[in-house]
Protein backbone atom coordinates (compact mmCIF):
# COMPACT_ATOMS: atom_id res chain seq x y z
CA UNK A 1 -226.20 -261.26 237.82
CA UNK A 2 -227.52 -264.74 238.14
CA UNK A 3 -229.89 -267.06 236.43
CA UNK A 4 -232.13 -266.62 239.50
CA UNK A 5 -232.86 -263.01 238.62
CA UNK A 6 -233.27 -263.68 234.91
CA UNK A 7 -235.85 -266.39 235.61
CA UNK A 8 -237.73 -264.20 238.09
CA UNK A 9 -237.86 -261.46 235.46
CA UNK A 10 -238.97 -263.75 232.65
CA UNK A 11 -241.85 -265.14 234.70
CA UNK A 12 -244.17 -262.19 234.11
CA UNK A 13 -246.73 -264.81 233.19
CA UNK A 14 -246.84 -268.36 234.58
CA UNK A 15 -244.56 -270.64 232.56
CA UNK A 16 -242.87 -274.02 232.62
CA UNK A 17 -239.15 -274.66 232.44
CA UNK A 18 -239.60 -275.64 228.79
CA UNK A 19 -241.46 -272.38 228.08
CA UNK A 20 -238.61 -270.44 229.67
CA UNK A 21 -236.04 -272.32 227.58
CA UNK A 22 -237.92 -271.20 224.47
CA UNK A 23 -237.69 -267.57 225.64
CA UNK A 24 -233.93 -267.95 226.11
CA UNK A 25 -233.49 -269.52 222.69
CA UNK A 26 -235.80 -267.22 220.75
CA UNK A 27 -235.56 -263.85 222.47
CA UNK A 28 -232.56 -263.33 224.72
CA UNK A 29 -229.85 -265.70 223.46
CA UNK A 30 -227.79 -262.73 222.26
CA UNK A 31 -227.12 -261.69 225.85
CA UNK A 32 -227.92 -264.69 228.07
CA UNK A 33 -227.97 -268.44 227.45
CA UNK A 34 -229.29 -271.20 229.66
CA UNK A 35 -229.85 -274.90 229.23
CA UNK A 36 -232.73 -276.94 230.62
CA UNK A 37 -230.17 -278.65 232.88
CA UNK A 38 -229.64 -275.22 234.52
CA UNK A 39 -233.21 -273.95 234.35
CA UNK A 40 -235.03 -276.80 236.11
CA UNK A 41 -232.77 -277.01 239.19
CA UNK A 42 -232.84 -273.22 239.52
CA UNK A 43 -236.65 -273.16 239.36
CA UNK A 44 -236.84 -275.82 242.09
CA UNK A 45 -234.37 -273.89 244.26
CA UNK A 46 -236.32 -270.64 243.80
CA UNK A 47 -239.50 -272.47 244.76
CA UNK A 48 -237.83 -273.78 247.94
CA UNK A 49 -236.76 -270.21 248.78
CA UNK A 50 -240.37 -269.08 248.42
CA UNK A 51 -239.66 -266.82 245.44
CA UNK A 52 -241.71 -268.97 243.05
CA UNK A 53 -244.85 -271.03 243.39
CA UNK A 54 -245.17 -274.10 241.19
CA UNK A 55 -248.25 -276.07 240.26
CA UNK A 56 -249.06 -279.01 238.01
CA UNK A 57 -250.76 -278.08 234.75
CA UNK A 58 -252.05 -279.96 231.75
CA UNK A 59 -249.65 -280.44 228.88
CA UNK A 60 -250.70 -280.48 225.24
CA UNK A 61 -249.15 -283.94 224.98
CA UNK A 62 -247.91 -286.50 227.44
CA UNK A 63 -247.59 -286.05 231.18
CA UNK A 64 -248.50 -282.85 232.95
CA UNK A 65 -245.98 -280.08 233.37
CA UNK A 66 -244.99 -277.86 236.26
CA UNK A 67 -245.82 -274.18 235.78
CA UNK A 68 -244.19 -271.51 237.92
CA UNK A 69 -245.17 -267.98 238.88
CA UNK A 70 -243.37 -265.37 240.94
CA UNK A 71 -244.48 -264.85 244.55
CA UNK A 72 -244.56 -261.43 246.27
CA UNK A 73 -241.21 -262.34 247.88
CA UNK A 74 -239.81 -263.12 244.43
CA UNK A 75 -241.04 -259.77 243.12
CA UNK A 76 -239.25 -258.02 246.00
CA UNK A 77 -236.01 -259.87 245.23
CA UNK A 78 -236.35 -258.95 241.56
CA UNK A 79 -237.02 -255.28 242.26
CA UNK A 80 -234.11 -255.11 244.73
CA UNK A 81 -231.81 -256.61 242.12
CA UNK A 82 -233.01 -254.22 239.41
CA UNK A 83 -232.29 -251.25 241.69
CA UNK A 84 -228.84 -252.47 242.75
CA UNK A 85 -225.59 -251.16 241.25
CA UNK A 86 -224.69 -251.92 237.65
CA UNK A 87 -222.95 -255.27 237.27
CA UNK A 88 -220.44 -255.84 234.50
CA UNK A 89 -219.65 -259.45 235.34
CA UNK A 90 -216.73 -261.57 234.34
CA UNK A 91 -217.33 -262.58 230.76
CA UNK A 92 -215.82 -265.79 229.46
CA UNK A 93 -215.22 -265.52 225.75
CA UNK A 94 -213.97 -268.84 224.36
CA UNK A 95 -213.16 -267.51 220.90
CA UNK A 96 -210.86 -264.85 222.40
CA UNK A 97 -209.14 -267.46 224.56
CA UNK A 98 -208.49 -269.53 221.43
CA UNK A 99 -207.23 -266.54 219.49
CA UNK A 100 -204.97 -265.48 222.37
CA UNK A 101 -203.28 -268.88 222.26
CA UNK A 102 -203.40 -269.43 218.47
CA UNK A 103 -199.67 -268.75 218.05
CA UNK A 104 -199.20 -272.28 219.44
CA UNK A 105 -200.18 -273.56 215.99
CA UNK A 106 -197.44 -271.55 214.30
CA UNK A 107 -199.54 -271.01 211.17
CA UNK A 108 -201.16 -267.66 210.39
CA UNK A 109 -203.30 -269.32 207.72
CA UNK A 110 -205.06 -271.25 210.50
CA UNK A 111 -205.55 -267.97 212.36
CA UNK A 112 -207.02 -266.49 209.19
CA UNK A 113 -209.42 -269.45 208.77
CA UNK A 114 -210.44 -269.13 212.42
CA UNK A 115 -211.14 -265.40 212.10
CA UNK A 116 -212.99 -265.86 208.81
CA UNK A 117 -215.22 -268.52 210.34
CA UNK A 118 -215.80 -266.35 213.41
CA UNK A 119 -216.74 -263.41 211.20
CA UNK A 120 -219.26 -265.55 209.30
CA UNK A 121 -220.92 -266.59 212.57
CA UNK A 122 -221.09 -263.00 213.82
CA UNK A 123 -222.43 -261.76 210.48
CA UNK A 124 -225.13 -264.44 210.54
CA UNK A 125 -226.14 -263.51 214.10
CA UNK A 126 -226.17 -259.83 213.17
CA UNK A 127 -228.37 -260.49 210.14
CA UNK A 128 -230.83 -262.42 212.32
CA UNK A 129 -231.11 -259.59 214.87
CA UNK A 130 -231.44 -256.97 212.14
CA UNK A 131 -234.23 -259.04 210.56
CA UNK A 132 -236.04 -259.12 213.91
CA UNK A 133 -235.72 -255.36 214.15
CA UNK A 134 -236.91 -254.75 210.56
CA UNK A 135 -239.94 -257.03 210.99
CA UNK A 136 -240.80 -255.42 214.30
CA UNK A 137 -240.55 -251.92 212.78
CA UNK A 138 -242.70 -252.94 209.82
CA UNK A 139 -245.41 -254.66 211.90
CA UNK A 140 -245.68 -252.37 214.94
CA UNK A 141 -246.70 -248.74 214.33
CA UNK A 142 -245.55 -247.86 217.86
CA UNK A 143 -241.97 -248.90 217.01
CA UNK A 144 -239.59 -247.59 218.29
CA UNK A 145 -240.40 -244.61 220.50
CA UNK A 146 -244.05 -245.26 221.40
CA UNK A 147 -243.65 -248.88 222.49
CA UNK A 148 -245.15 -249.87 225.84
CA UNK A 149 -242.57 -249.90 228.67
CA UNK A 150 -241.84 -253.67 228.61
CA UNK A 151 -241.31 -253.69 224.85
CA UNK A 152 -239.28 -250.47 224.95
CA UNK A 153 -236.81 -252.19 227.26
CA UNK A 154 -236.74 -255.20 224.95
CA UNK A 155 -235.89 -252.79 222.13
CA UNK A 156 -232.99 -251.36 224.13
CA UNK A 157 -231.50 -254.82 224.64
CA UNK A 158 -232.05 -255.73 220.99
CA UNK A 159 -230.24 -252.57 219.90
CA UNK A 160 -227.37 -253.44 222.26
CA UNK A 161 -227.13 -256.87 220.65
CA UNK A 162 -227.07 -255.35 217.17
CA UNK A 163 -224.42 -252.77 218.09
CA UNK A 164 -222.24 -255.29 219.95
CA UNK A 165 -222.31 -257.87 217.18
CA UNK A 166 -221.71 -255.19 214.52
CA UNK A 167 -218.62 -254.13 216.49
CA UNK A 168 -217.44 -257.75 216.55
CA UNK A 169 -217.86 -258.03 212.77
CA UNK A 170 -215.85 -254.81 212.38
CA UNK A 171 -213.15 -256.18 214.71
CA UNK A 172 -213.01 -259.42 212.67
CA UNK A 173 -212.61 -257.42 209.45
CA UNK A 174 -209.75 -255.44 210.99
CA UNK A 175 -208.10 -258.57 212.39
CA UNK A 176 -208.42 -260.41 209.07
CA UNK A 177 -206.74 -257.50 207.26
CA UNK A 178 -203.89 -257.52 209.80
CA UNK A 179 -203.36 -261.29 209.48
CA UNK A 180 -203.49 -261.11 205.67
CA UNK A 181 -200.91 -258.29 205.70
CA UNK A 182 -198.66 -260.32 208.00
CA UNK A 183 -198.97 -263.42 205.78
CA UNK A 184 -198.09 -261.30 202.72
CA UNK A 185 -195.10 -259.78 204.53
CA UNK A 186 -193.83 -263.22 205.58
CA UNK A 187 -194.27 -264.53 202.02
CA UNK A 188 -192.26 -261.64 200.57
CA UNK A 189 -189.42 -262.36 203.00
CA UNK A 190 -189.72 -266.12 202.45
């Protein structure tokens, strides 16, 4: 999967690079992140390929902005990608890389602090997604099973985010218990 396809899919309505960044930050950050430094060059490249059409538009403040919309060729690329085989990708998980190498510090208390901090971050992210889901359920009578198709698919990704982060919190709790038990065992043999 590439940023190309994500941007093509997010451009259901004409939008600027800044608008797209807001969508990443507010709606899909739990499964895909992108910075403006990635978004703008990708939009220009997709326009050169003929998958997007850009035009100058008025901005609320300051200079005008460039707004993009998907071309018929871009729609074909998007549909082809959506119908292609499932992609799992090669995830890079920095916190797991750190944990894998944490024995270098030779101090389980530092491992415990790391895991505790990680758990707090996951729990905070989980609470935010659960709040989104609760508000959505409260405000939309069609939630969850009568949502229109686009929003139903958004729901499925939101639920994935909630389940994945809940599993990470559970893993942190288990790991913290194991580290605490190991610290206690080392102290008793000390």
